[in-house]
Amino acid sequence: MCRPYRRLVDRLRAQALPCWICGHNINYKPYGRRHPLAFTLDDETPLSKGGDLLDPATPVAHTDAATASGGRCR
């Protein structure tokens, strides 16, 4: 799973999309995974409820925005 995931991350980073939850721009420079403004892949349908993280339509978000939603379907 590592390579397909990395390819998806690289492709989404290159698009420089805003956070799909809050709408603000994401700074795509590496902050470290735990920084609240760090880039992360989110999932519209949580993985625990059958979502697919490798879906090409996976939205991007800030870490804090994705964490705040906490596994709830949006």
PDB file of N, CA and C in Angstrom:
ATOM      1  N   MET A   1       0.820  -1.201   0.000  1.00  0.00           N
ATOM      2  CA  MET A   1       0.000   0.000   0.000  1.00  0.00           C
ATOM      3  C   MET A   1       0.858   1.257   0.000  1.00  0.00           C
ATOM      4  N   CYS A   2       2.093   1.172   0.374  1.00  0.00           N
ATOM      5  CA  CYS A   2       2.922   2.360   0.529  1.00  0.00           C
ATOM      6  C   CYS A   2       3.060   3.149  -0.769  1.00  0.00           C
ATOM      7  N   ARG A   3       3.415   2.497  -1.856  1.00  0.00           N
ATOM      8  CA  ARG A   3       3.630   3.245  -3.092  1.00  0.00           C
ATOM      9  C   ARG A   3       2.365   3.874  -3.652  1.00  0.00           C
ATOM     10  N   PRO A   4       1.236   3.149  -3.737  1.00  0.00           N
ATOM     11  CA  PRO A   4       0.016   3.803  -4.229  1.00  0.00           C
ATOM     12  C   PRO A   4      -0.385   4.983  -3.350  1.00  0.00           C
ATOM     13  N   TYR A   5      -0.219   4.837  -2.033  1.00  0.00           N
ATOM     14  CA  TYR A   5      -0.547   5.933  -1.112  1.00  0.00           C
ATOM     15  C   TYR A   5       0.364   7.128  -1.364  1.00  0.00           C
ATOM     16  N   ARG A   6       1.667   6.891  -1.489  1.00  0.00           N
ATOM     17  CA  ARG A   6       2.618   7.989  -1.725  1.00  0.00           C
ATOM     18  C   ARG A   6       2.316   8.692  -3.041  1.00  0.00           C
ATOM     19  N   ARG A   7       1.980   7.924  -4.079  1.00  0.00           N
ATOM     20  CA  ARG A   7       1.636   8.536  -5.369  1.00  0.00           C
ATOM     21  C   ARG A   7       0.404   9.427  -5.240  1.00  0.00           C
ATOM     22  N   LEU A   8      -0.599   8.955  -4.516  1.00  0.00           N
ATOM     23  CA  LEU A   8      -1.800   9.748  -4.305  1.00  0.00           C
ATOM     24  C   LEU A   8      -1.477  11.020  -3.528  1.00  0.00           C
ATOM     25  N   VAL A   9      -0.698  10.899  -2.464  1.00  0.00           N
ATOM     26  CA  VAL A   9      -0.297  12.068  -1.670  1.00  0.00           C
ATOM     27  C   VAL A   9       0.461  13.071  -2.539  1.00  0.00           C
ATOM     28  N   ASP A  10       1.407  12.590  -3.322  1.00  0.00           N
ATOM     29  CA  ASP A  10       2.193  13.484  -4.176  1.00  0.00           C
ATOM     30  C   ASP A  10       1.309  14.195  -5.202  1.00  0.00           C
ATOM     31  N   ARG A  11       0.373  13.453  -5.783  1.00  0.00           N
ATOM     32  CA  ARG A  11      -0.526  14.045  -6.781  1.00  0.00           C
ATOM     33  C   ARG A  11      -1.415  15.122  -6.148  1.00  0.00           C
ATOM     34  N   LEU A  12      -1.957  14.846  -4.961  1.00  0.00           N
ATOM     35  CA  LEU A  12      -2.813  15.824  -4.298  1.00  0.00           C
ATOM     36  C   LEU A  12      -2.018  17.028  -3.800  1.00  0.00           C
ATOM     37  N   ARG A  13      -0.813  16.808  -3.319  1.00  0.00           N
ATOM     38  CA  ARG A  13       0.052  17.933  -2.915  1.00  0.00           C
ATOM     39  C   ARG A  13       0.312  18.867  -4.090  1.00  0.00           C
ATOM     40  N   ALA A  14       0.567  18.295  -5.256  1.00  0.00           N
ATOM     41  CA  ALA A  14       0.869  19.090  -6.450  1.00  0.00           C
ATOM     42  C   ALA A  14      -0.317  19.959  -6.865  1.00  0.00           C
ATOM     43  N   GLN A  15      -1.531  19.528  -6.548  1.00  0.00           N
ATOM     44  CA  GLN A  15      -2.712  20.315  -6.899  1.00  0.00           C
ATOM     45  C   GLN A  15      -2.913  21.520  -5.991  1.00  0.00           C
ATOM     46  N   ALA A  16      -2.303  21.505  -4.799  1.00  0.00           N
ATOM     47  CA  ALA A  16      -2.372  22.608  -3.837  1.00  0.00           C
ATOM     48  C   ALA A  16      -3.803  23.062  -3.573  1.00  0.00           C
ATOM     49  N   LEU A  17      -4.678  22.103  -3.311  1.00  0.00           N
ATOM     50  CA  LEU A  17      -6.079  22.406  -3.035  1.00  0.00           C
ATOM     51  C   LEU A  17      -6.255  22.958  -1.622  1.00  0.00           C
ATOM     52  N   PRO A  18      -7.318  23.737  -1.376  1.00  0.00           N
ATOM     53  CA  PRO A  18      -7.599  24.195  -0.009  1.00  0.00           C
ATOM     54  C   PRO A  18      -8.204  23.071   0.828  1.00  0.00           C
ATOM     55  N   CYS A  19      -8.252  23.272   2.120  1.00  0.00           N
ATOM     56  CA  CYS A  19      -8.849  22.317   3.037  1.00  0.00           C
ATOM     57  C   CYS A  19     -10.329  22.157   2.688  1.00  0.00           C
ATOM     58  N   TRP A  20     -10.786  20.939   2.498  1.00  0.00           N
ATOM     59  CA  TRP A  20     -12.167  20.725   2.095  1.00  0.00           C
ATOM     60  C   TRP A  20     -13.140  20.903   3.258  1.00  0.00           C
ATOM     61  N   ILE A  21     -12.640  20.944   4.477  1.00  0.00           N
ATOM     62  CA  ILE A  21     -13.501  21.116   5.641  1.00  0.00           C
ATOM     63  C   ILE A  21     -13.698  22.588   5.974  1.00  0.00           C
ATOM     64  N   CYS A  22     -12.589  23.339   6.092  1.00  0.00           N
ATOM     65  CA  CYS A  22     -12.703  24.752   6.498  1.00  0.00           C
ATOM     66  C   CYS A  22     -12.573  25.719   5.330  1.00  0.00           C
ATOM     67  N   GLY A  23     -12.042  25.259   4.181  1.00  0.00           N
ATOM     68  CA  GLY A  23     -11.933  26.121   3.008  1.00  0.00           C
ATOM     69  C   GLY A  23     -10.689  26.995   2.959  1.00  0.00           C
ATOM     70  N   HIS A  24      -9.881  26.974   4.012  1.00  0.00           N
ATOM     71  CA  HIS A  24      -8.661  27.791   4.027  1.00  0.00           C
ATOM     72  C   HIS A  24      -7.534  27.096   3.274  1.00  0.00           C
ATOM     73  N   ASN A  25      -6.583  27.911   2.819  1.00  0.00           N
ATOM     74  CA  ASN A  25      -5.423  27.354   2.124  1.00  0.00           C
ATOM     75  C   ASN A  25      -4.589  26.509   3.072  1.00  0.00           C
ATOM     76  N   ILE A  26      -3.956  25.503   2.514  1.00  0.00           N
ATOM     77  CA  ILE A  26      -3.061  24.628   3.266  1.00  0.00           C
ATOM     78  C   ILE A  26      -1.636  24.966   2.863  1.00  0.00           C
ATOM     79  N   ASN A  27      -0.759  25.107   3.849  1.00  0.00           N
ATOM     80  CA  ASN A  27       0.654  25.282   3.557  1.00  0.00           C
ATOM     81  C   ASN A  27       1.228  23.887   3.359  1.00  0.00           C
ATOM     82  N   TYR A  28       1.598  23.580   2.136  1.00  0.00           N
ATOM     83  CA  TYR A  28       2.030  22.227   1.801  1.00  0.00           C
ATOM     84  C   TYR A  28       3.494  21.945   2.133  1.00  0.00           C
ATOM     85  N   LYS A  29       4.194  22.921   2.699  1.00  0.00           N
ATOM     86  CA  LYS A  29       5.558  22.644   3.155  1.00  0.00           C
ATOM     87  C   LYS A  29       5.472  21.726   4.360  1.00  0.00           C
ATOM     88  N   PRO A  30       6.406  20.815   4.491  1.00  0.00           N
ATOM     89  CA  PRO A  30       6.314  19.855   5.596  1.00  0.00           C
ATOM     90  C   PRO A  30       6.414  20.539   6.954  1.00  0.00           C
ATOM     91  N   TYR A  31       5.412  20.366   7.759  1.00  0.00           N
ATOM     92  CA  TYR A  31       5.394  20.863   9.139  1.00  0.00           C
ATOM     93  C   TYR A  31       5.777  19.767  10.104  1.00  0.00           C
ATOM     94  N   GLY A  32       5.520  18.563   9.735  1.00  0.00           N
ATOM     95  CA  GLY A  32       5.547  17.445  10.668  1.00  0.00           C
ATOM     96  C   GLY A  32       4.103  16.997  10.828  1.00  0.00           C
ATOM     97  N   ARG A  33       3.902  15.714  10.988  1.00  0.00           N
ATOM     98  CA  ARG A  33       2.550  15.155  10.966  1.00  0.00           C
ATOM     99  C   ARG A  33       1.630  15.709  12.037  1.00  0.00           C
ATOM    100  N   ARG A  34       2.155  16.119  13.153  1.00  0.00           N
ATOM    101  CA  ARG A  34       1.304  16.513  14.274  1.00  0.00           C
ATOM    102  C   ARG A  34       0.967  18.005  14.290  1.00  0.00           C
ATOM    103  N   HIS A  35       1.535  18.791  13.422  1.00  0.00           N
ATOM    104  CA  HIS A  35       1.232  20.221  13.392  1.00  0.00           C
ATOM    105  C   HIS A  35      -0.215  20.416  12.954  1.00  0.00           C
ATOM    106  N   PRO A  36      -0.982  21.317  13.610  1.00  0.00           N
ATOM    107  CA  PRO A  36      -2.395  21.473  13.286  1.00  0.00           C
ATOM    108  C   PRO A  36      -2.668  21.956  11.861  1.00  0.00           C
ATOM    109  N   LEU A  37      -1.715  22.629  11.240  1.00  0.00           N
ATOM    110  CA  LEU A  37      -1.925  23.118   9.875  1.00  0.00           C
ATOM    111  C   LEU A  37      -1.298  22.214   8.824  1.00  0.00           C
ATOM    112  N   ALA A  38      -0.776  21.072   9.261  1.00  0.00           N
ATOM    113  CA  ALA A  38      -0.136  20.150   8.324  1.00  0.00           C
ATOM    114  C   ALA A  38      -1.165  19.573   7.354  1.00  0.00           C
ATOM    115  N   PHE A  39      -0.700  19.253   6.175  1.00  0.00           N
ATOM    116  CA  PHE A  39      -1.507  18.614   5.137  1.00  0.00           C
ATOM    117  C   PHE A  39      -1.775  17.165   5.516  1.00  0.00           C
ATOM    118  N   THR A  40      -2.986  16.736   5.321  1.00  0.00           N
ATOM    119  CA  THR A  40      -3.327  15.329   5.507  1.00  0.00           C
ATOM    120  C   THR A  40      -4.419  14.942   4.530  1.00  0.00           C
ATOM    121  N   LEU A  41      -4.502  13.671   4.240  1.00  0.00           N
ATOM    122  CA  LEU A  41      -5.632  13.169   3.464  1.00  0.00           C
ATOM    123  C   LEU A  41      -6.755  12.892   4.442  1.00  0.00           C
ATOM    124  N   ASP A  42      -7.939  13.280   4.064  1.00  0.00           N
ATOM    125  CA  ASP A  42      -9.106  12.994   4.882  1.00  0.00           C
ATOM    126  C   ASP A  42      -9.935  11.975   4.127  1.00  0.00           C
ATOM    127  N   ASP A  43     -11.014  11.589   4.683  1.00  0.00           N
ATOM    128  CA  ASP A  43     -11.881  10.639   4.000  1.00  0.00           C
ATOM    129  C   ASP A  43     -13.329  11.038   4.252  1.00  0.00           C
ATOM    130  N   GLU A  44     -14.099  11.209   3.188  1.00  0.00           N
ATOM    131  CA  GLU A  44     -15.500  11.584   3.352  1.00  0.00           C
ATOM    132  C   GLU A  44     -16.248  10.508   4.112  1.00  0.00           C
ATOM    133  N   THR A  45     -15.988   9.266   3.783  1.00  0.00           N
ATOM    134  CA  THR A  45     -16.524   8.133   4.529  1.00  0.00           C
ATOM    135  C   THR A  45     -15.374   7.563   5.345  1.00  0.00           C
ATOM    136  N   PRO A  46     -15.481   7.596   6.667  1.00  0.00           N
ATOM    137  CA  PRO A  46     -14.384   7.102   7.496  1.00  0.00           C
ATOM    138  C   PRO A  46     -13.980   5.677   7.128  1.00  0.00           C
ATOM    139  N   LEU A  47     -12.703   5.388   7.247  1.00  0.00           N
ATOM    140  CA  LEU A  47     -12.201   4.053   6.948  1.00  0.00           C
ATOM    141  C   LEU A  47     -12.917   2.998   7.790  1.00  0.00           C
ATOM    142  N   SER A  48     -13.262   3.359   9.024  1.00  0.00           N
ATOM    143  CA  SER A  48     -13.950   2.419   9.912  1.00  0.00           C
ATOM    144  C   SER A  48     -15.358   2.091   9.432  1.00  0.00           C
ATOM    145  N   LYS A  49     -15.870   2.927   8.519  1.00  0.00           N
ATOM    146  CA  LYS A  49     -17.215   2.698   7.984  1.00  0.00           C
ATOM    147  C   LYS A  49     -17.172   2.295   6.509  1.00  0.00           C
ATOM    148  N   GLY A  50     -16.008   1.796   6.058  1.00  0.00           N
ATOM    149  CA  GLY A  50     -15.890   1.268   4.706  1.00  0.00           C
ATOM    150  C   GLY A  50     -15.307   2.230   3.687  1.00  0.00           C
ATOM    151  N   GLY A  51     -14.772   3.372   4.115  1.00  0.00           N
ATOM    152  CA  GLY A  51     -14.153   4.324   3.196  1.00  0.00           C
ATOM    153  C   GLY A  51     -12.874   3.770   2.595  1.00  0.00           C
ATOM    154  N   ASP A  52     -12.399   4.412   1.538  1.00  0.00           N
ATOM    155  CA  ASP A  52     -11.192   3.973   0.836  1.00  0.00           C
ATOM    156  C   ASP A  52     -10.210   5.132   0.763  1.00  0.00           C
ATOM    157  N   LEU A  53      -9.109   5.037   1.490  1.00  0.00           N
ATOM    158  CA  LEU A  53      -8.118   6.111   1.517  1.00  0.00           C
ATOM    159  C   LEU A  53      -7.398   6.271   0.185  1.00  0.00           C
ATOM    160  N   LEU A  54      -7.401   5.240  -0.647  1.00  0.00           N
ATOM    161  CA  LEU A  54      -6.729   5.327  -1.936  1.00  0.00           C
ATOM    162  C   LEU A  54      -7.660   5.812  -3.048  1.00  0.00           C
ATOM    163  N   ASP A  55      -8.858   6.230  -2.711  1.00  0.00           N
ATOM    164  CA  ASP A  55      -9.782   6.782  -3.686  1.00  0.00           C
ATOM    165  C   ASP A  55      -9.172   8.063  -4.255  1.00  0.00           C
ATOM    166  N   PRO A  56      -9.086   8.209  -5.598  1.00  0.00           N
ATOM    167  CA  PRO A  56      -8.497   9.412  -6.187  1.00  0.00           C
ATOM    168  C   PRO A  56      -9.241  10.688  -5.818  1.00  0.00           C
ATOM    169  N   ALA A  57     -10.481  10.569  -5.386  1.00  0.00           N
ATOM    170  CA  ALA A  57     -11.258  11.746  -4.990  1.00  0.00           C
ATOM    171  C   ALA A  57     -11.116  12.054  -3.504  1.00  0.00           C
ATOM    172  N   THR A  58     -10.162  11.417  -2.829  1.00  0.00           N
ATOM    173  CA  THR A  58      -9.936  11.667  -1.408  1.00  0.00           C
ATOM    174  C   THR A  58      -9.623  13.145  -1.194  1.00  0.00           C
ATOM    175  N   PRO A  59     -10.376  13.831  -0.320  1.00  0.00           N
ATOM    176  CA  PRO A  59     -10.120  15.255  -0.109  1.00  0.00           C
ATOM    177  C   PRO A  59      -8.914  15.503   0.800  1.00  0.00           C
ATOM    178  N   VAL A  60      -8.372  16.705   0.699  1.00  0.00           N
ATOM    179  CA  VAL A  60      -7.248  17.113   1.535  1.00  0.00           C
ATOM    180  C   VAL A  60      -7.766  18.038   2.632  1.00  0.00           C
ATOM    181  N   ALA A  61      -7.063  18.056   3.765  1.00  0.00           N
ATOM    182  CA  ALA A  61      -7.502  18.858   4.902  1.00  0.00           C
ATOM    183  C   ALA A  61      -6.307  19.231   5.765  1.00  0.00           C
ATOM    184  N   HIS A  62      -6.532  20.190   6.670  1.00  0.00           N
ATOM    185  CA  HIS A  62      -5.576  20.454   7.730  1.00  0.00           C
ATOM    186  C   HIS A  62      -5.714  19.324   8.746  1.00  0.00           C
ATOM    187  N   THR A  63      -4.648  18.992   9.423  1.00  0.00           N
ATOM    188  CA  THR A  63      -4.700  17.925  10.416  1.00  0.00           C
ATOM    189  C   THR A  63      -5.730  18.221  11.494  1.00  0.00           C
ATOM    190  N   ASP A  64      -5.781  19.471  11.994  1.00  0.00           N
ATOM    191  CA  ASP A  64      -6.725  19.769  13.072  1.00  0.00           C
ATOM    192  C   ASP A  64      -8.170  19.715  12.597  1.00  0.00           C
ATOM    193  N   ALA A  65      -8.438  20.115  11.370  1.00  0.00           N
ATOM    194  CA  ALA A  65      -9.815  20.052  10.849  1.00  0.00           C
ATOM    195  C   ALA A  65     -10.253  18.606  10.678  1.00  0.00           C
ATOM    196  N   ALA A  66      -9.366  17.762  10.180  1.00  0.00           N
ATOM    197  CA  ALA A  66      -9.686  16.351   9.989  1.00  0.00           C
ATOM    198  C   ALA A  66      -9.857  15.650  11.337  1.00  0.00           C
ATOM    199  N   THR A  67      -9.019  15.989  12.300  1.00  0.00           N
ATOM    200  CA  THR A  67      -9.096  15.371  13.611  1.00  0.00           C
ATOM    201  C   THR A  67     -10.373  15.796  14.337  1.00  0.00           C
ATOM    202  N   ALA A  68     -10.766  17.048  14.167  1.00  0.00           N
ATOM    203  CA  ALA A  68     -11.959  17.556  14.841  1.00  0.00           C
ATOM    204  C   ALA A  68     -13.227  16.842  14.376  1.00  0.00           C
ATOM    205  N   SER A  69     -13.223  16.389  13.132  1.00  0.00           N
ATOM    206  CA  SER A  69     -14.417  15.699  12.630  1.00  0.00           C
ATOM    207  C   SER A  69     -14.487  14.277  13.174  1.00  0.00           C
ATOM    208  N   GLY A  70     -13.375  13.721  13.566  1.00  0.00           N
ATOM    209  CA  GLY A  70     -13.282  12.477  14.322  1.00  0.00           C
ATOM    210  C   GLY A  70     -14.058  11.265  13.862  1.00  0.00           C
ATOM    211  N   GLY A  71     -13.983  10.893  12.588  1.00  0.00           N
ATOM    212  CA  GLY A  71     -14.584   9.654  12.154  1.00  0.00           C
ATOM    213  C   GLY A  71     -16.076   9.732  11.878  1.00  0.00           C
ATOM    214  N   ARG A  72     -16.621  10.945  11.875  1.00  0.00           N
ATOM    215  CA  ARG A  72     -18.048  11.093  11.550  1.00  0.00           C
ATOM    216  C   ARG A  72     -18.199  11.310  10.058  1.00  0.00           C
ATOM    217  N   CYS A  73     -19.215  10.729   9.466  1.00  0.00           N
ATOM    218  CA  CYS A  73     -19.522  10.981   8.050  1.00  0.00           C
ATOM    219  C   CYS A  73     -19.957  12.425   7.905  1.00  0.00           C
ATOM    220  N   ARG A  74     -19.502  13.059   6.801  1.00  0.00           N
ATOM    221  CA  ARG A  74     -19.863  14.452   6.585  1.00  0.00           C
ATOM    222  C   ARG A  74     -20.887  14.551   5.495  1.00  0.00           C
TER     223      ARG A  74
END
